[in-house]
């Protein structure tokens, strides 16, 4: 497991939500949803969609939905674990 993956797994959804709400910027929180296997934060970065999934079986990961580059995804992960 990479260092960033370990850092993502250490995240708490409520802490991430508060951070997104208190420090608005390039990342916009649109919606929080709960499904049986995960809690999901639906977000936008540079106008493109991505999700942060807090999965009970697989841990925390960032899921690209829109046309975000690999560099954009790396920026998002860095911001989340900072």
PDB file of N, CA and C in Angstrom:
ATOM      1  N   UNK A   1       0.848  -1.177   0.000  1.00  0.00           N
ATOM      2  CA  UNK A   1       0.000   0.000   0.000  1.00  0.00           C
ATOM      3  C   UNK A   1       0.893   1.239   0.000  1.00  0.00           C
ATOM      4  N   UNK A   2       0.595   2.201  -0.882  1.00  0.00           N
ATOM      5  CA  UNK A   2       1.393   3.415  -0.963  1.00  0.00           C
ATOM      6  C   UNK A   2       1.131   4.314   0.240  1.00  0.00           C
ATOM      7  N   UNK A   3       2.026   5.259   0.433  1.00  0.00           N
ATOM      8  CA  UNK A   3       1.870   6.202   1.541  1.00  0.00           C
ATOM      9  C   UNK A   3       0.583   6.998   1.387  1.00  0.00           C
ATOM     10  N   UNK A   4       0.291   7.461   0.153  1.00  0.00           N
ATOM     11  CA  UNK A   4      -0.938   8.233  -0.045  1.00  0.00           C
ATOM     12  C   UNK A   4      -2.172   7.387   0.202  1.00  0.00           C
ATOM     13  N   UNK A   5      -2.140   6.117  -0.176  1.00  0.00           N
ATOM     14  CA  UNK A   5      -3.284   5.237   0.080  1.00  0.00           C
ATOM     15  C   UNK A   5      -3.495   5.081   1.576  1.00  0.00           C
ATOM     16  N   UNK A   6      -2.412   4.943   2.325  1.00  0.00           N
ATOM     17  CA  UNK A   6      -2.527   4.847   3.782  1.00  0.00           C
ATOM     18  C   UNK A   6      -3.079   6.139   4.367  1.00  0.00           C
ATOM     19  N   UNK A   7      -2.623   7.279   3.826  1.00  0.00           N
ATOM     20  CA  UNK A   7      -3.115   8.568   4.308  1.00  0.00           C
ATOM     21  C   UNK A   7      -4.594   8.738   3.984  1.00  0.00           C
ATOM     22  N   UNK A   8      -5.014   8.301   2.805  1.00  0.00           N
ATOM     23  CA  UNK A   8      -6.433   8.373   2.454  1.00  0.00           C
ATOM     24  C   UNK A   8      -7.256   7.506   3.399  1.00  0.00           C
ATOM     25  N   UNK A   9      -6.780   6.299   3.679  1.00  0.00           N
ATOM     26  CA  UNK A   9      -7.520   5.397   4.566  1.00  0.00           C
ATOM     27  C   UNK A   9      -7.665   5.957   5.970  1.00  0.00           C
ATOM     28  N   UNK A  10      -6.770   6.848   6.363  1.00  0.00           N
ATOM     29  CA  UNK A  10      -6.832   7.446   7.699  1.00  0.00           C
ATOM     30  C   UNK A  10      -7.838   8.593   7.779  1.00  0.00           C
ATOM     31  N   UNK A  11      -8.379   9.016   6.634  1.00  0.00           N
ATOM     32  CA  UNK A  11      -9.317  10.140   6.629  1.00  0.00           C
ATOM     33  C   UNK A  11     -10.653   9.760   7.248  1.00  0.00           C
ATOM     34  N   UNK A  12     -11.272  10.742   7.868  1.00  0.00           N
ATOM     35  CA  UNK A  12     -12.610  10.603   8.437  1.00  0.00           C
ATOM     36  C   UNK A  12     -13.553  11.456   7.594  1.00  0.00           C
ATOM     37  N   UNK A  13     -14.680  10.901   7.189  1.00  0.00           N
ATOM     38  CA  UNK A  13     -15.591  11.613   6.287  1.00  0.00           C
ATOM     39  C   UNK A  13     -16.086  12.927   6.880  1.00  0.00           C
ATOM     40  N   UNK A  14     -16.358  12.963   8.175  1.00  0.00           N
ATOM     41  CA  UNK A  14     -16.846  14.196   8.792  1.00  0.00           C
ATOM     42  C   UNK A  14     -15.778  15.279   8.801  1.00  0.00           C
ATOM     43  N   UNK A  15     -14.530  14.889   9.015  1.00  0.00           N
ATOM     44  CA  UNK A  15     -13.423  15.850   8.987  1.00  0.00           C
ATOM     45  C   UNK A  15     -13.261  16.415   7.577  1.00  0.00           C
ATOM     46  N   UNK A  16     -13.319  15.552   6.575  1.00  0.00           N
ATOM     47  CA  UNK A  16     -13.196  16.004   5.187  1.00  0.00           C
ATOM     48  C   UNK A  16     -14.347  16.937   4.833  1.00  0.00           C
ATOM     49  N   UNK A  17     -15.561  16.589   5.237  1.00  0.00           N
ATOM     50  CA  UNK A  17     -16.720  17.453   4.952  1.00  0.00           C
ATOM     51  C   UNK A  17     -16.546  18.832   5.578  1.00  0.00           C
ATOM     52  N   UNK A  18     -16.149  18.873   6.855  1.00  0.00           N
ATOM     53  CA  UNK A  18     -15.950  20.165   7.528  1.00  0.00           C
ATOM     54  C   UNK A  18     -14.875  20.983   6.822  1.00  0.00           C
ATOM     55  N   UNK A  19     -13.809  20.317   6.442  1.00  0.00           N
ATOM     56  CA  UNK A  19     -12.720  21.018   5.761  1.00  0.00           C
ATOM     57  C   UNK A  19     -13.196  21.599   4.427  1.00  0.00           C
ATOM     58  N   UNK A  20     -13.961  20.833   3.679  1.00  0.00           N
ATOM     59  CA  UNK A  20     -14.488  21.320   2.403  1.00  0.00           C
ATOM     60  C   UNK A  20     -15.432  22.499   2.609  1.00  0.00           C
ATOM     61  N   UNK A  21     -16.220  22.473   3.668  1.00  0.00           N
ATOM     62  CA  UNK A  21     -17.179  23.539   3.929  1.00  0.00           C
ATOM     63  C   UNK A  21     -16.507  24.790   4.490  1.00  0.00           C
ATOM     64  N   UNK A  22     -15.474  24.619   5.309  1.00  0.00           N
ATOM     65  CA  UNK A  22     -14.825  25.754   5.960  1.00  0.00           C
ATOM     66  C   UNK A  22     -13.749  26.404   5.099  1.00  0.00           C
ATOM     67  N   UNK A  23     -13.218  25.679   4.142  1.00  0.00           N
ATOM     68  CA  UNK A  23     -12.146  26.197   3.297  1.00  0.00           C
ATOM     69  C   UNK A  23     -12.521  26.056   1.831  1.00  0.00           C
ATOM     70  N   UNK A  24     -13.579  26.762   1.431  1.00  0.00           N
ATOM     71  CA  UNK A  24     -13.989  26.632   0.034  1.00  0.00           C
ATOM     72  C   UNK A  24     -12.874  27.126  -0.886  1.00  0.00           C
ATOM     73  N   UNK A  25     -12.771  26.494  -1.991  1.00  0.00           N
ATOM     74  CA  UNK A  25     -11.732  26.849  -2.953  1.00  0.00           C
ATOM     75  C   UNK A  25     -12.008  26.148  -4.251  1.00  0.00           C
ATOM     76  N   UNK A  26     -10.983  25.514  -4.775  1.00  0.00           N
ATOM     77  CA  UNK A  26     -11.117  24.826  -6.054  1.00  0.00           C
ATOM     78  C   UNK A  26     -11.982  23.577  -5.962  1.00  0.00           C
ATOM     79  N   UNK A  27     -12.030  22.955  -4.777  1.00  0.00           N
ATOM     80  CA  UNK A  27     -12.825  21.742  -4.594  1.00  0.00           C
ATOM     81  C   UNK A  27     -14.164  22.120  -3.974  1.00  0.00           C
ATOM     82  N   UNK A  28     -15.241  21.717  -4.634  1.00  0.00           N
ATOM     83  CA  UNK A  28     -16.593  22.053  -4.187  1.00  0.00           C
ATOM     84  C   UNK A  28     -17.324  20.771  -3.804  1.00  0.00           C
ATOM     85  N   UNK A  29     -17.832  20.735  -2.578  1.00  0.00           N
ATOM     86  CA  UNK A  29     -18.652  19.610  -2.120  1.00  0.00           C
ATOM     87  C   UNK A  29     -20.076  19.843  -2.590  1.00  0.00           C
ATOM     88  N   UNK A  30     -20.614  18.911  -3.364  1.00  0.00           N
ATOM     89  CA  UNK A  30     -21.976  19.044  -3.869  1.00  0.00           C
ATOM     90  C   UNK A  30     -22.983  18.239  -3.067  1.00  0.00           C
ATOM     91  N   UNK A  31     -22.577  17.048  -2.610  1.00  0.00           N
ATOM     92  CA  UNK A  31     -23.547  16.153  -1.999  1.00  0.00           C
ATOM     93  C   UNK A  31     -22.840  15.068  -1.211  1.00  0.00           C
ATOM     94  N   UNK A  32     -23.447  14.656  -0.111  1.00  0.00           N
ATOM     95  CA  UNK A  32     -22.988  13.478   0.632  1.00  0.00           C
ATOM     96  C   UNK A  32     -24.093  12.438   0.536  1.00  0.00           C
ATOM     97  N   UNK A  33     -23.725  11.233   0.115  1.00  0.00           N
ATOM     98  CA  UNK A  33     -24.710  10.157   0.045  1.00  0.00           C
ATOM     99  C   UNK A  33     -24.191   8.947   0.810  1.00  0.00           C
ATOM    100  N   UNK A  34     -25.112   8.163   1.287  1.00  0.00           N
ATOM    101  CA  UNK A  34     -24.765   6.918   1.972  1.00  0.00           C
ATOM    102  C   UNK A  34     -25.459   5.772   1.267  1.00  0.00           C
ATOM    103  N   UNK A  35     -24.677   4.769   0.924  1.00  0.00           N
ATOM    104  CA  UNK A  35     -25.204   3.533   0.374  1.00  0.00           C
ATOM    105  C   UNK A  35     -24.745   2.427   1.317  1.00  0.00           C
ATOM    106  N   UNK A  36     -25.325   1.254   1.260  1.00  0.00           N
ATOM    107  CA  UNK A  36     -24.991   0.232   2.256  1.00  0.00           C
ATOM    108  C   UNK A  36     -23.496  -0.043   2.418  1.00  0.00           C
ATOM    109  N   UNK A  37     -22.748  -0.025   1.325  1.00  0.00           N
ATOM    110  CA  UNK A  37     -21.339  -0.391   1.429  1.00  0.00           C
ATOM    111  C   UNK A  37     -20.382   0.791   1.564  1.00  0.00           C
ATOM    112  N   UNK A  38     -20.881   2.040   1.429  1.00  0.00           N
ATOM    113  CA  UNK A  38     -19.961   3.183   1.467  1.00  0.00           C
ATOM    114  C   UNK A  38     -20.699   4.492   1.715  1.00  0.00           C
ATOM    115  N   UNK A  39     -19.938   5.464   2.195  1.00  0.00           N
ATOM    116  CA  UNK A  39     -20.373   6.859   2.210  1.00  0.00           C
ATOM    117  C   UNK A  39     -19.598   7.541   1.092  1.00  0.00           C
ATOM    118  N   UNK A  40     -20.265   8.438   0.373  1.00  0.00           N
ATOM    119  CA  UNK A  40     -19.649   9.057  -0.796  1.00  0.00           C
ATOM    120  C   UNK A  40     -19.828  10.570  -0.734  1.00  0.00           C
ATOM    121  N   UNK A  41     -18.729  11.286  -0.979  1.00  0.00           N
ATOM    122  CA  UNK A  41     -18.781  12.734  -1.144  1.00  0.00           C
ATOM    123  C   UNK A  41     -18.696  13.018  -2.636  1.00  0.00           C
ATOM    124  N   UNK A  42     -19.739  13.630  -3.180  1.00  0.00           N
ATOM    125  CA  UNK A  42     -19.765  13.993  -4.596  1.00  0.00           C
ATOM    126  C   UNK A  42     -19.237  15.422  -4.701  1.00  0.00           C
ATOM    127  N   UNK A  43     -18.172  15.606  -5.467  1.00  0.00           N
ATOM    128  CA  UNK A  43     -17.472  16.888  -5.501  1.00  0.00           C
ATOM    129  C   UNK A  43     -17.172  17.310  -6.935  1.00  0.00           C
ATOM    130  N   UNK A  44     -16.684  18.554  -7.053  1.00  0.00           N
ATOM    131  CA  UNK A  44     -16.199  19.079  -8.333  1.00  0.00           C
ATOM    132  C   UNK A  44     -14.852  19.759  -8.108  1.00  0.00           C
ATOM    133  N   UNK A  45     -14.000  19.636  -9.113  1.00  0.00           N
ATOM    134  CA  UNK A  45     -12.706  20.315  -9.133  1.00  0.00           C
ATOM    135  C   UNK A  45     -12.512  20.833 -10.547  1.00  0.00           C
ATOM    136  N   UNK A  46     -12.292  22.132 -10.687  1.00  0.00           N
ATOM    137  CA  UNK A  46     -12.168  22.760 -12.007  1.00  0.00           C
ATOM    138  C   UNK A  46     -13.395  22.462 -12.862  1.00  0.00           C
ATOM    139  N   UNK A  47     -14.548  22.389 -12.220  1.00  0.00           N
ATOM    140  CA  UNK A  47     -15.802  22.151 -12.924  1.00  0.00           C
ATOM    141  C   UNK A  47     -16.086  20.698 -13.262  1.00  0.00           C
ATOM    142  N   UNK A  48     -15.152  19.800 -12.975  1.00  0.00           N
ATOM    143  CA  UNK A  48     -15.317  18.382 -13.307  1.00  0.00           C
ATOM    144  C   UNK A  48     -15.632  17.571 -12.055  1.00  0.00           C
ATOM    145  N   UNK A  49     -16.464  16.558 -12.220  1.00  0.00           N
ATOM    146  CA  UNK A  49     -16.917  15.749 -11.087  1.00  0.00           C
ATOM    147  C   UNK A  49     -15.913  14.678 -10.684  1.00  0.00           C
ATOM    148  N   UNK A  50     -15.878  14.430  -9.367  1.00  0.00           N
ATOM    149  CA  UNK A  50     -15.164  13.289  -8.801  1.00  0.00           C
ATOM    150  C   UNK A  50     -15.844  12.928  -7.494  1.00  0.00           C
ATOM    151  N   UNK A  51     -15.644  11.720  -7.046  1.00  0.00           N
ATOM    152  CA  UNK A  51     -16.212  11.260  -5.778  1.00  0.00           C
ATOM    153  C   UNK A  51     -15.096  10.829  -4.842  1.00  0.00           C
ATOM    154  N   UNK A  52     -15.309  11.055  -3.552  1.00  0.00           N
ATOM    155  CA  UNK A  52     -14.437  10.490  -2.529  1.00  0.00           C
ATOM    156  C   UNK A  52     -15.273   9.424  -1.839  1.00  0.00           C
ATOM    157  N   UNK A  53     -14.869   8.164  -1.989  1.00  0.00           N
ATOM    158  CA  UNK A  53     -15.639   7.047  -1.434  1.00  0.00           C
ATOM    159  C   UNK A  53     -14.975   6.525  -0.171  1.00  0.00           C
ATOM    160  N   UNK A  54     -15.768   6.389   0.855  1.00  0.00           N
ATOM    161  CA  UNK A  54     -15.339   5.820   2.128  1.00  0.00           C
ATOM    162  C   UNK A  54     -15.986   4.443   2.205  1.00  0.00           C
ATOM    163  N   UNK A  55     -15.334   3.463   1.592  1.00  0.00           N
ATOM    164  CA  UNK A  55     -15.879   2.121   1.434  1.00  0.00           C
ATOM    165  C   UNK A  55     -15.501   1.241   2.619  1.00  0.00           C
ATOM    166  N   UNK A  56     -16.472   0.521   3.149  1.00  0.00           N
ATOM    167  CA  UNK A  56     -16.232  -0.328   4.316  1.00  0.00           C
ATOM    168  C   UNK A  56     -15.259  -1.461   4.022  1.00  0.00           C
ATOM    169  N   UNK A  57     -15.274  -1.990   2.804  1.00  0.00           N
ATOM    170  CA  UNK A  57     -14.404  -3.113   2.451  1.00  0.00           C
ATOM    171  C   UNK A  57     -13.068  -2.689   1.841  1.00  0.00           C
ATOM    172  N   UNK A  58     -13.075  -1.622   1.054  1.00  0.00           N
ATOM    173  CA  UNK A  58     -11.889  -1.264   0.279  1.00  0.00           C
ATOM    174  C   UNK A  58     -11.185   0.000   0.743  1.00  0.00           C
ATOM    175  N   UNK A  59     -11.687   0.661   1.761  1.00  0.00           N
ATOM    176  CA  UNK A  59     -11.038   1.871   2.264  1.00  0.00           C
ATOM    177  C   UNK A  59     -11.492   3.119   1.526  1.00  0.00           C
ATOM    178  N   UNK A  60     -10.685   4.156   1.630  1.00  0.00           N
ATOM    179  CA  UNK A  60     -11.012   5.456   1.042  1.00  0.00           C
ATOM    180  C   UNK A  60     -10.287   5.588  -0.295  1.00  0.00           C
ATOM    181  N   UNK A  61     -11.019   6.051  -1.312  1.00  0.00           N
ATOM    182  CA  UNK A  61     -10.374   6.311  -2.593  1.00  0.00           C
ATOM    183  C   UNK A  61     -11.109   7.412  -3.334  1.00  0.00           C
ATOM    184  N   UNK A  62     -10.378   8.041  -4.246  1.00  0.00           N
ATOM    185  CA  UNK A  62     -10.915   9.124  -5.065  1.00  0.00           C
ATOM    186  C   UNK A  62     -11.236   8.541  -6.429  1.00  0.00           C
ATOM    187  N   UNK A  63     -12.478   8.745  -6.865  1.00  0.00           N
ATOM    188  CA  UNK A  63     -12.990   8.154  -8.101  1.00  0.00           C
ATOM    189  C   UNK A  63     -13.249   9.264  -9.120  1.00  0.00           C
ATOM    190  N   UNK A  64     -12.519   9.240 -10.225  1.00  0.00           N
ATOM    191  CA  UNK A  64     -12.669  10.247 -11.277  1.00  0.00           C
ATOM    192  C   UNK A  64     -13.971   9.990 -12.039  1.00  0.00           C
ATOM    193  N   UNK A  65     -14.796  11.023 -12.181  1.00  0.00           N
ATOM    194  CA  UNK A  65     -16.039  10.915 -12.942  1.00  0.00           C
ATOM    195  C   UNK A  65     -15.922  11.751 -14.216  1.00  0.00           C
ATOM    196  N   UNK A  66     -15.487  12.983 -14.061  1.00  0.00           N
ATOM    197  CA  UNK A  66     -15.350  13.893 -15.194  1.00  0.00           C
ATOM    198  C   UNK A  66     -13.996  13.761 -15.869  1.00  0.00           C
ATOM    199  N   UNK A  67     -13.675  14.758 -16.677  1.00  0.00           N
ATOM    200  CA  UNK A  67     -12.451  14.744 -17.487  1.00  0.00           C
ATOM    201  C   UNK A  67     -11.276  15.363 -16.736  1.00  0.00           C
ATOM    202  N   UNK A  68     -10.972  14.827 -15.574  1.00  0.00           N
ATOM    203  CA  UNK A  68      -9.838  15.314 -14.793  1.00  0.00           C
ATOM    204  C   UNK A  68      -8.564  14.596 -15.228  1.00  0.00           C
ATOM    205  N   UNK A  69      -7.469  15.342 -15.285  1.00  0.00           N
ATOM    206  CA  UNK A  69      -6.183  14.747 -15.657  1.00  0.00           C
ATOM    207  C   UNK A  69      -5.587  14.001 -14.464  1.00  0.00           C
ATOM    208  N   UNK A  70      -4.554  13.225 -14.738  1.00  0.00           N
ATOM    209  CA  UNK A  70      -3.842  12.545 -13.655  1.00  0.00           C
ATOM    210  C   UNK A  70      -3.251  13.566 -12.686  1.00  0.00           C
ATOM    211  N   UNK A  71      -2.784  14.678 -13.229  1.00  0.00           N
ATOM    212  CA  UNK A  71      -2.228  15.747 -12.392  1.00  0.00           C
ATOM    213  C   UNK A  71      -3.307  16.347 -11.489  1.00  0.00           C
ATOM    214  N   UNK A  72      -4.506  16.557 -12.042  1.00  0.00           N
ATOM    215  CA  UNK A  72      -5.628  17.065 -11.240  1.00  0.00           C
ATOM    216  C   UNK A  72      -5.958  16.095 -10.110  1.00  0.00           C
ATOM    217  N   UNK A  73      -5.987  14.808 -10.427  1.00  0.00           N
ATOM    218  CA  UNK A  73      -6.299  13.801  -9.409  1.00  0.00           C
ATOM    219  C   UNK A  73      -5.240  13.798  -8.313  1.00  0.00           C
ATOM    220  N   UNK A  74      -3.985  13.944  -8.698  1.00  0.00           N
ATOM    221  CA  UNK A  74      -2.905  14.003  -7.710  1.00  0.00           C
ATOM    222  C   UNK A  74      -3.059  15.234  -6.823  1.00  0.00           C
ATOM    223  N   UNK A  75      -3.456  16.374  -7.416  1.00  0.00           N
ATOM    224  CA  UNK A  75      -3.690  17.597  -6.630  1.00  0.00           C
ATOM    225  C   UNK A  75      -4.805  17.380  -5.613  1.00  0.00           C
ATOM    226  N   UNK A  76      -5.876  16.720  -6.026  1.00  0.00           N
ATOM    227  CA  UNK A  76      -7.006  16.453  -5.131  1.00  0.00           C
ATOM    228  C   UNK A  76      -6.558  15.584  -3.963  1.00  0.00           C
ATOM    229  N   UNK A  77      -5.848  14.515  -4.255  1.00  0.00           N
ATOM    230  CA  UNK A  77      -5.388  13.612  -3.193  1.00  0.00           C
ATOM    231  C   UNK A  77      -4.455  14.345  -2.240  1.00  0.00           C
ATOM    232  N   UNK A  78      -3.527  15.146  -2.787  1.00  0.00           N
ATOM    233  CA  UNK A  78      -2.617  15.917  -1.922  1.00  0.00           C
ATOM    234  C   UNK A  78      -3.395  16.846  -1.004  1.00  0.00           C
ATOM    235  N   UNK A  79      -4.428  17.511  -1.537  1.00  0.00           N
ATOM    236  CA  UNK A  79      -5.229  18.425  -0.727  1.00  0.00           C
ATOM    237  C   UNK A  79      -5.965  17.657   0.368  1.00  0.00           C
ATOM    238  N   UNK A  80      -6.506  16.503   0.036  1.00  0.00           N
ATOM    239  CA  UNK A  80      -7.260  15.717   1.013  1.00  0.00           C
ATOM    240  C   UNK A  80      -6.392  15.235   2.167  1.00  0.00           C
ATOM    241  N   UNK A  81      -5.162  14.838   1.880  1.00  0.00           N
ATOM    242  CA  UNK A  81      -4.315  14.255   2.929  1.00  0.00           C
ATOM    243  C   UNK A  81      -3.430  15.287   3.625  1.00  0.00           C
ATOM    244  N   UNK A  82      -3.449  16.528   3.155  1.00  0.00           N
ATOM    245  CA  UNK A  82      -2.601  17.580   3.763  1.00  0.00           C
ATOM    246  C   UNK A  82      -3.037  17.897   5.172  1.00  0.00           C
TER     247      UNK A  82
END
